[in-house]
């Protein structure tokens, strides 16, 4: 089994319910959830003129390859009600692979670690709750260090 860290966010509808539903569906789909952060209310990133987000990060074990996991996350998003809008726009649910073991993948359709992870407090703060010593395989810094540098 491989360890994946998944970022979950919602800023439309019942945000907490959307996130908890995503966690349940991930579990039903075979992700063994080992840890999950608390919920964090955050300002939007990228495009500011939209509702605040709730965010969470979970650590899960999976036997899916990274591309299979991404495909599964996109299916779950659609099942929960996500519709295509514009980049960084409002959404019912957003599921992102933050880390997958210590892999570095840089393909057009899949980038691991998440390419903006180190710039986003809404990811680093909940991630630091459950994996403060996790080392970013590109920057060679812990999540805790990345968060402190962001502040």
N, C-alpha and C. Protein backbone atom coordinates (compact mmCIF):
# COMPACT_ATOMS: atom_id res chain seq x y z
N UNK A 1 0.84 -1.19 0.00
CA UNK A 1 0.00 0.00 0.00
C UNK A 1 0.89 1.25 0.00
N UNK A 2 0.41 2.26 -0.69
CA UNK A 2 1.11 3.53 -0.77
C UNK A 2 0.37 4.56 0.08
N UNK A 3 1.10 5.56 0.52
CA UNK A 3 0.50 6.61 1.34
C UNK A 3 0.30 7.86 0.49
N UNK A 4 -0.94 8.32 0.47
CA UNK A 4 -1.29 9.54 -0.26
C UNK A 4 -1.87 10.55 0.72
N UNK A 5 -1.51 11.80 0.52
CA UNK A 5 -2.11 12.90 1.27
C UNK A 5 -3.04 13.62 0.30
N UNK A 6 -4.29 13.78 0.70
CA UNK A 6 -5.31 14.34 -0.17
C UNK A 6 -5.87 15.60 0.48
N UNK A 7 -5.85 16.69 -0.28
CA UNK A 7 -6.46 17.94 0.15
C UNK A 7 -7.91 17.96 -0.28
N UNK A 8 -8.77 18.41 0.63
CA UNK A 8 -10.21 18.47 0.36
C UNK A 8 -10.68 19.89 0.67
N UNK A 9 -11.43 20.48 -0.25
CA UNK A 9 -11.95 21.82 -0.03
C UNK A 9 -13.35 21.97 -0.59
N UNK A 10 -14.10 22.91 -0.02
CA UNK A 10 -15.45 23.21 -0.48
C UNK A 10 -15.79 24.65 -0.12
N UNK A 11 -16.43 25.36 -1.06
CA UNK A 11 -16.91 26.71 -0.72
C UNK A 11 -18.31 26.98 -1.26
N UNK A 12 -19.03 25.95 -1.63
CA UNK A 12 -20.42 26.10 -2.07
C UNK A 12 -21.31 25.11 -1.31
N UNK A 13 -22.53 25.52 -1.06
CA UNK A 13 -23.47 24.63 -0.38
C UNK A 13 -23.08 24.43 1.08
N UNK A 14 -23.44 23.27 1.61
CA UNK A 14 -23.08 22.92 2.98
C UNK A 14 -21.65 22.38 2.94
N UNK A 15 -20.69 23.26 3.16
CA UNK A 15 -19.28 22.93 2.98
C UNK A 15 -18.83 21.76 3.84
N UNK A 16 -19.21 21.76 5.11
CA UNK A 16 -18.80 20.67 5.99
C UNK A 16 -19.39 19.35 5.53
N UNK A 17 -20.66 19.36 5.19
CA UNK A 17 -21.32 18.13 4.70
C UNK A 17 -20.64 17.63 3.42
N UNK A 18 -20.29 18.54 2.52
CA UNK A 18 -19.61 18.15 1.28
C UNK A 18 -18.28 17.45 1.58
N UNK A 19 -17.52 18.02 2.51
CA UNK A 19 -16.21 17.45 2.85
C UNK A 19 -16.37 16.09 3.52
N UNK A 20 -17.29 16.00 4.48
CA UNK A 20 -17.48 14.73 5.17
C UNK A 20 -18.01 13.66 4.23
N UNK A 21 -18.82 14.06 3.27
CA UNK A 21 -19.29 13.09 2.26
C UNK A 21 -18.11 12.60 1.42
N UNK A 22 -17.22 13.51 1.04
CA UNK A 22 -16.04 13.11 0.27
C UNK A 22 -15.19 12.13 1.05
N UNK A 23 -15.00 12.38 2.34
CA UNK A 23 -14.22 11.46 3.18
C UNK A 23 -14.89 10.09 3.19
N UNK A 24 -16.20 10.05 3.36
CA UNK A 24 -16.93 8.78 3.38
C UNK A 24 -16.80 8.05 2.05
N UNK A 25 -16.94 8.77 0.95
CA UNK A 25 -16.86 8.14 -0.37
C UNK A 25 -15.44 7.64 -0.64
N UNK A 26 -14.44 8.39 -0.23
CA UNK A 26 -13.06 7.93 -0.37
C UNK A 26 -12.85 6.62 0.38
N UNK A 27 -13.38 6.54 1.58
CA UNK A 27 -13.27 5.32 2.38
C UNK A 27 -14.00 4.16 1.70
N UNK A 28 -15.20 4.42 1.22
CA UNK A 28 -15.97 3.39 0.51
C UNK A 28 -15.26 2.91 -0.75
N UNK A 29 -14.48 3.80 -1.37
CA UNK A 29 -13.77 3.47 -2.60
C UNK A 29 -12.46 2.74 -2.35
N UNK A 30 -12.15 2.46 -1.08
CA UNK A 30 -10.98 1.66 -0.77
C UNK A 30 -9.79 2.41 -0.21
N UNK A 31 -9.91 3.72 -0.01
CA UNK A 31 -8.82 4.46 0.63
C UNK A 31 -8.91 4.19 2.13
N UNK A 32 -7.84 3.69 2.71
CA UNK A 32 -7.80 3.43 4.14
C UNK A 32 -7.33 4.71 4.82
N UNK A 33 -8.25 5.39 5.46
CA UNK A 33 -7.93 6.69 6.05
C UNK A 33 -7.23 6.48 7.39
N UNK A 34 -5.99 6.98 7.46
CA UNK A 34 -5.17 6.82 8.65
C UNK A 34 -5.24 8.04 9.56
N UNK A 35 -5.29 9.23 8.97
CA UNK A 35 -5.33 10.48 9.73
C UNK A 35 -6.17 11.47 8.94
N UNK A 36 -6.77 12.41 9.69
CA UNK A 36 -7.42 13.52 9.01
C UNK A 36 -7.30 14.75 9.90
N UNK A 37 -7.11 15.87 9.27
CA UNK A 37 -6.97 17.13 10.00
C UNK A 37 -8.34 17.62 10.44
N UNK A 38 -8.31 18.66 11.23
CA UNK A 38 -9.55 19.36 11.54
C UNK A 38 -9.94 20.19 10.31
N UNK A 39 -11.13 20.77 10.37
CA UNK A 39 -11.59 21.64 9.30
C UNK A 39 -11.04 23.05 9.53
N UNK A 40 -10.66 23.71 8.45
CA UNK A 40 -10.11 25.06 8.51
C UNK A 40 -10.89 25.95 7.56
N UNK A 41 -11.41 27.06 8.05
CA UNK A 41 -12.06 28.02 7.16
C UNK A 41 -10.99 28.98 6.65
N UNK A 42 -10.96 29.16 5.33
CA UNK A 42 -9.89 29.94 4.72
C UNK A 42 -10.43 30.86 3.63
N UNK A 43 -9.65 31.89 3.39
CA UNK A 43 -9.95 32.80 2.28
C UNK A 43 -9.66 32.09 0.96
N UNK A 44 -10.38 32.44 -0.09
CA UNK A 44 -10.08 31.84 -1.41
C UNK A 44 -8.67 32.20 -1.86
N UNK A 45 -8.09 31.34 -2.65
CA UNK A 45 -6.75 31.53 -3.18
C UNK A 45 -6.88 31.71 -4.69
N UNK A 46 -6.16 32.64 -5.24
CA UNK A 46 -6.20 32.84 -6.69
C UNK A 46 -7.25 33.86 -7.08
N UNK A 47 -8.50 33.52 -6.96
CA UNK A 47 -9.61 34.43 -7.25
C UNK A 47 -10.31 34.72 -5.93
N UNK A 48 -10.24 35.96 -5.49
CA UNK A 48 -10.70 36.33 -4.15
C UNK A 48 -12.20 36.56 -4.05
N UNK A 49 -12.87 36.92 -5.15
CA UNK A 49 -14.29 37.28 -5.11
C UNK A 49 -15.17 36.04 -5.16
N UNK A 50 -15.19 35.29 -4.07
CA UNK A 50 -16.00 34.09 -3.93
C UNK A 50 -16.10 33.75 -2.45
N UNK A 51 -17.01 32.84 -2.08
CA UNK A 51 -17.16 32.50 -0.66
C UNK A 51 -15.90 31.86 -0.08
N UNK A 52 -15.78 31.94 1.25
CA UNK A 52 -14.67 31.28 1.96
C UNK A 52 -14.77 29.76 1.80
N UNK A 53 -13.64 29.12 1.91
CA UNK A 53 -13.53 27.67 1.82
C UNK A 53 -13.47 27.03 3.20
N UNK A 54 -13.90 25.80 3.28
CA UNK A 54 -13.51 24.90 4.36
C UNK A 54 -12.52 23.94 3.73
N UNK A 55 -11.45 23.63 4.46
CA UNK A 55 -10.41 22.73 3.96
C UNK A 55 -10.04 21.70 5.01
N UNK A 56 -9.62 20.56 4.52
CA UNK A 56 -9.15 19.46 5.34
C UNK A 56 -8.10 18.70 4.54
N UNK A 57 -7.21 18.02 5.23
CA UNK A 57 -6.26 17.12 4.59
C UNK A 57 -6.37 15.77 5.27
N UNK A 58 -6.31 14.71 4.45
CA UNK A 58 -6.28 13.38 5.04
C UNK A 58 -5.10 12.59 4.51
N UNK A 59 -4.68 11.66 5.34
CA UNK A 59 -3.65 10.69 4.97
C UNK A 59 -4.34 9.37 4.75
N UNK A 60 -4.11 8.78 3.58
CA UNK A 60 -4.76 7.51 3.30
C UNK A 60 -3.81 6.54 2.64
N UNK A 61 -4.09 5.27 2.84
CA UNK A 61 -3.34 4.22 2.16
C UNK A 61 -4.15 3.75 0.98
N UNK A 62 -3.47 3.50 -0.12
CA UNK A 62 -4.15 3.06 -1.33
C UNK A 62 -3.28 2.09 -2.10
N UNK A 63 -3.94 1.22 -2.86
CA UNK A 63 -3.20 0.34 -3.76
C UNK A 63 -3.30 0.87 -5.19
N UNK A 64 -3.95 2.00 -5.37
CA UNK A 64 -4.08 2.60 -6.70
C UNK A 64 -2.81 3.34 -7.09
N UNK A 65 -2.47 3.23 -8.36
CA UNK A 65 -1.37 4.01 -8.90
C UNK A 65 -1.79 5.49 -8.92
N UNK A 66 -0.84 6.42 -8.96
CA UNK A 66 -1.20 7.84 -8.92
C UNK A 66 -2.24 8.26 -9.96
N UNK A 67 -2.09 7.84 -11.21
CA UNK A 67 -3.06 8.22 -12.25
C UNK A 67 -4.44 7.64 -11.96
N UNK A 68 -4.47 6.41 -11.45
CA UNK A 68 -5.76 5.80 -11.08
C UNK A 68 -6.41 6.56 -9.92
N UNK A 69 -5.60 6.96 -8.96
CA UNK A 69 -6.12 7.72 -7.83
C UNK A 69 -6.69 9.05 -8.29
N UNK A 70 -5.98 9.75 -9.17
CA UNK A 70 -6.48 11.01 -9.69
C UNK A 70 -7.81 10.81 -10.42
N UNK A 71 -7.89 9.79 -11.23
CA UNK A 71 -9.14 9.50 -11.95
C UNK A 71 -10.28 9.24 -10.97
N UNK A 72 -9.99 8.49 -9.92
CA UNK A 72 -11.00 8.21 -8.89
C UNK A 72 -11.45 9.50 -8.20
N UNK A 73 -10.51 10.39 -7.87
CA UNK A 73 -10.85 11.65 -7.21
C UNK A 73 -11.76 12.50 -8.10
N UNK A 74 -11.47 12.53 -9.39
CA UNK A 74 -12.30 13.32 -10.32
C UNK A 74 -13.71 12.73 -10.41
N UNK A 75 -13.83 11.42 -10.39
CA UNK A 75 -15.15 10.77 -10.41
C UNK A 75 -15.93 11.09 -9.14
N UNK A 76 -15.24 11.07 -8.01
CA UNK A 76 -15.89 11.39 -6.74
C UNK A 76 -16.36 12.85 -6.74
N UNK A 77 -15.53 13.75 -7.24
CA UNK A 77 -15.94 15.15 -7.33
C UNK A 77 -17.24 15.29 -8.13
N UNK A 78 -17.29 14.64 -9.29
CA UNK A 78 -18.50 14.72 -10.12
C UNK A 78 -19.69 14.10 -9.42
N UNK A 79 -19.48 12.98 -8.72
CA UNK A 79 -20.58 12.31 -8.02
C UNK A 79 -21.15 13.18 -6.91
N UNK A 80 -20.30 13.99 -6.28
CA UNK A 80 -20.75 14.86 -5.20
C UNK A 80 -21.42 16.12 -5.76
N UNK A 81 -21.16 16.41 -7.04
CA UNK A 81 -21.86 17.53 -7.66
C UNK A 81 -20.97 18.62 -8.23
N UNK A 82 -19.68 18.37 -8.29
CA UNK A 82 -18.80 19.40 -8.87
C UNK A 82 -19.09 19.56 -10.35
N UNK A 83 -19.16 20.81 -10.74
CA UNK A 83 -19.34 21.14 -12.15
C UNK A 83 -18.12 21.93 -12.61
N UNK A 84 -17.80 21.80 -13.88
CA UNK A 84 -16.68 22.56 -14.42
C UNK A 84 -17.03 24.03 -14.44
N UNK A 85 -16.14 24.85 -13.88
CA UNK A 85 -16.31 26.30 -13.93
C UNK A 85 -15.01 26.87 -14.49
N UNK A 86 -14.38 27.74 -13.77
CA UNK A 86 -13.13 28.33 -14.21
C UNK A 86 -12.07 28.03 -13.16
N UNK A 87 -10.81 28.16 -13.58
CA UNK A 87 -9.69 27.82 -12.71
C UNK A 87 -9.75 28.63 -11.42
N UNK A 88 -9.62 27.94 -10.30
CA UNK A 88 -9.61 28.50 -8.95
C UNK A 88 -10.95 29.13 -8.58
N UNK A 89 -12.00 28.75 -9.28
CA UNK A 89 -13.33 29.29 -9.00
C UNK A 89 -14.02 28.51 -7.89
N UNK A 90 -15.25 28.93 -7.56
CA UNK A 90 -16.00 28.26 -6.50
C UNK A 90 -16.34 26.82 -6.89
N UNK A 91 -16.46 25.96 -5.87
CA UNK A 91 -16.77 24.56 -6.15
C UNK A 91 -17.39 23.89 -4.94
N UNK A 92 -18.24 22.94 -5.23
CA UNK A 92 -18.86 22.14 -4.17
C UNK A 92 -17.81 21.30 -3.48
N UNK A 93 -16.89 20.73 -4.26
CA UNK A 93 -15.85 19.88 -3.68
C UNK A 93 -14.61 19.94 -4.57
N UNK A 94 -13.48 19.87 -3.94
CA UNK A 94 -12.20 19.83 -4.65
C UNK A 94 -11.34 18.81 -3.94
N UNK A 95 -10.82 17.85 -4.69
CA UNK A 95 -9.96 16.81 -4.14
C UNK A 95 -8.63 16.84 -4.90
N UNK A 96 -7.54 17.02 -4.17
CA UNK A 96 -6.22 17.11 -4.79
C UNK A 96 -5.25 16.15 -4.13
N UNK A 97 -4.45 15.49 -4.95
CA UNK A 97 -3.34 14.69 -4.43
C UNK A 97 -2.22 15.68 -4.07
N UNK A 98 -1.85 15.70 -2.80
CA UNK A 98 -0.78 16.59 -2.35
C UNK A 98 0.57 15.89 -2.43
N UNK A 99 0.63 14.70 -1.84
CA UNK A 99 1.81 13.84 -1.88
C UNK A 99 1.33 12.42 -2.17
N UNK A 100 2.21 11.65 -2.80
CA UNK A 100 1.98 10.22 -3.00
C UNK A 100 3.31 9.56 -2.73
N UNK A 101 3.39 8.89 -1.57
CA UNK A 101 4.69 8.42 -1.07
C UNK A 101 5.69 9.56 -1.22
N UNK A 102 6.84 9.29 -1.79
CA UNK A 102 7.82 10.35 -2.02
C UNK A 102 8.03 10.58 -3.52
N UNK A 103 7.02 10.22 -4.31
CA UNK A 103 7.13 10.34 -5.75
C UNK A 103 7.14 11.80 -6.20
N UNK A 104 7.85 12.00 -7.30
CA UNK A 104 7.81 13.27 -8.02
C UNK A 104 7.36 12.93 -9.44
N UNK A 105 6.19 13.45 -9.81
CA UNK A 105 5.63 13.23 -11.14
C UNK A 105 5.33 14.59 -11.74
N UNK A 106 5.80 14.81 -12.95
CA UNK A 106 5.56 16.08 -13.62
C UNK A 106 5.09 15.81 -15.04
N UNK A 107 3.81 15.52 -15.15
CA UNK A 107 3.17 15.27 -16.44
C UNK A 107 2.09 16.32 -16.64
N UNK A 108 1.66 16.54 -17.88
CA UNK A 108 0.62 17.56 -18.10
C UNK A 108 -0.66 17.33 -17.29
N UNK A 109 -1.05 16.09 -17.12
CA UNK A 109 -2.31 15.80 -16.42
C UNK A 109 -2.14 15.45 -14.94
N UNK A 110 -0.91 15.31 -14.48
CA UNK A 110 -0.68 14.89 -13.10
C UNK A 110 0.66 15.42 -12.60
N UNK A 111 0.58 16.22 -11.54
CA UNK A 111 1.80 16.73 -10.92
C UNK A 111 1.77 16.38 -9.43
N UNK A 112 2.78 15.66 -9.00
CA UNK A 112 2.92 15.29 -7.59
C UNK A 112 4.37 15.55 -7.22
N UNK A 113 4.61 16.22 -6.10
CA UNK A 113 3.68 16.85 -5.19
C UNK A 113 2.86 17.92 -5.91
N UNK A 114 1.75 18.28 -5.28
CA UNK A 114 0.90 19.31 -5.86
C UNK A 114 1.76 20.56 -6.11
N UNK A 115 1.69 21.14 -7.31
CA UNK A 115 2.61 22.22 -7.66
C UNK A 115 2.47 23.51 -6.85
N UNK A 116 1.34 23.72 -6.20
CA UNK A 116 1.16 24.95 -5.41
C UNK A 116 1.13 24.69 -3.90
N UNK A 117 1.37 23.46 -3.50
CA UNK A 117 1.30 23.08 -2.09
C UNK A 117 2.10 24.02 -1.20
N UNK A 118 3.31 24.33 -1.59
CA UNK A 118 4.21 25.15 -0.77
C UNK A 118 3.80 26.61 -0.68
N UNK A 119 2.81 27.04 -1.49
CA UNK A 119 2.36 28.43 -1.51
C UNK A 119 1.04 28.63 -0.77
N UNK A 120 0.45 27.56 -0.28
CA UNK A 120 -0.92 27.62 0.20
C UNK A 120 -1.04 27.26 1.68
N UNK A 121 -1.30 28.25 2.48
CA UNK A 121 -1.50 28.00 3.91
C UNK A 121 -2.70 27.11 4.14
N UNK A 122 -3.72 27.22 3.29
CA UNK A 122 -4.92 26.40 3.48
C UNK A 122 -4.66 24.92 3.27
N UNK A 123 -3.53 24.58 2.67
CA UNK A 123 -3.10 23.19 2.56
C UNK A 123 -2.07 22.87 3.64
N UNK A 124 -1.09 23.74 3.80
CA UNK A 124 0.00 23.47 4.74
C UNK A 124 -0.45 23.42 6.19
N UNK A 125 -1.40 24.27 6.56
CA UNK A 125 -1.84 24.29 7.96
C UNK A 125 -2.50 22.97 8.36
N UNK A 126 -3.52 22.50 7.62
CA UNK A 126 -4.09 21.20 8.00
C UNK A 126 -3.10 20.04 7.81
N UNK A 127 -2.26 20.12 6.79
CA UNK A 127 -1.27 19.08 6.57
C UNK A 127 -0.29 19.02 7.74
N UNK A 128 0.05 20.18 8.30
CA UNK A 128 1.00 20.21 9.42
C UNK A 128 0.40 19.59 10.68
N UNK A 129 -0.93 19.54 10.76
CA UNK A 129 -1.57 18.87 11.91
C UNK A 129 -1.30 17.38 11.92
N UNK A 130 -1.28 16.79 10.73
CA UNK A 130 -1.19 15.32 10.66
C UNK A 130 0.17 14.82 10.17
N UNK A 131 0.97 15.69 9.53
CA UNK A 131 2.26 15.24 9.01
C UNK A 131 3.29 16.37 9.02
N UNK A 132 3.56 16.95 10.19
CA UNK A 132 4.46 18.11 10.22
C UNK A 132 5.88 17.80 9.76
N UNK A 133 6.31 16.57 9.91
CA UNK A 133 7.68 16.21 9.54
C UNK A 133 7.78 15.59 8.15
N UNK A 134 6.67 15.48 7.44
CA UNK A 134 6.70 14.97 6.07
C UNK A 134 7.60 15.87 5.23
N UNK A 135 8.53 15.27 4.53
CA UNK A 135 9.49 16.03 3.72
C UNK A 135 8.98 16.16 2.29
N UNK A 136 8.97 17.40 1.82
CA UNK A 136 8.62 17.66 0.42
C UNK A 136 9.75 17.12 -0.44
N UNK A 137 9.47 16.19 -1.36
CA UNK A 137 10.55 15.53 -2.09
C UNK A 137 11.29 16.42 -3.10
N UNK A 138 10.77 17.58 -3.41
CA UNK A 138 11.46 18.50 -4.31
C UNK A 138 12.25 19.54 -3.51
N UNK A 139 11.59 20.17 -2.54
CA UNK A 139 12.23 21.24 -1.77
C UNK A 139 13.08 20.73 -0.62
N UNK A 140 12.91 19.46 -0.26
CA UNK A 140 13.68 18.84 0.82
C UNK A 140 13.50 19.57 2.15
N UNK A 141 12.27 20.06 2.37
CA UNK A 141 11.91 20.72 3.62
C UNK A 141 10.66 20.06 4.17
N UNK A 142 10.52 20.11 5.50
CA UNK A 142 9.33 19.53 6.12
C UNK A 142 8.12 20.44 5.88
N UNK A 143 6.95 19.86 6.05
CA UNK A 143 5.71 20.63 5.96
C UNK A 143 5.75 21.77 6.98
N UNK A 144 6.23 21.49 8.17
CA UNK A 144 6.34 22.51 9.21
C UNK A 144 7.23 23.67 8.73
N UNK A 145 8.35 23.36 8.12
CA UNK A 145 9.26 24.40 7.61
C UNK A 145 8.60 25.21 6.50
N UNK A 146 7.93 24.53 5.58
CA UNK A 146 7.25 25.23 4.49
C UNK A 146 6.19 26.18 5.02
N UNK A 147 5.44 25.73 6.04
CA UNK A 147 4.42 26.58 6.63
C UNK A 147 5.04 27.80 7.33
N UNK A 148 6.12 27.58 8.07
CA UNK A 148 6.75 28.71 8.77
C UNK A 148 7.34 29.72 7.79
N UNK A 149 7.85 29.24 6.67
CA UNK A 149 8.39 30.16 5.64
C UNK A 149 7.28 30.96 4.96
N UNK A 150 6.11 30.37 4.87
CA UNK A 150 4.98 31.04 4.24
C UNK A 150 4.50 32.21 5.08
N UNK A 151 4.55 32.06 6.38
CA UNK A 151 4.10 33.11 7.28
C UNK A 151 5.06 34.26 7.22
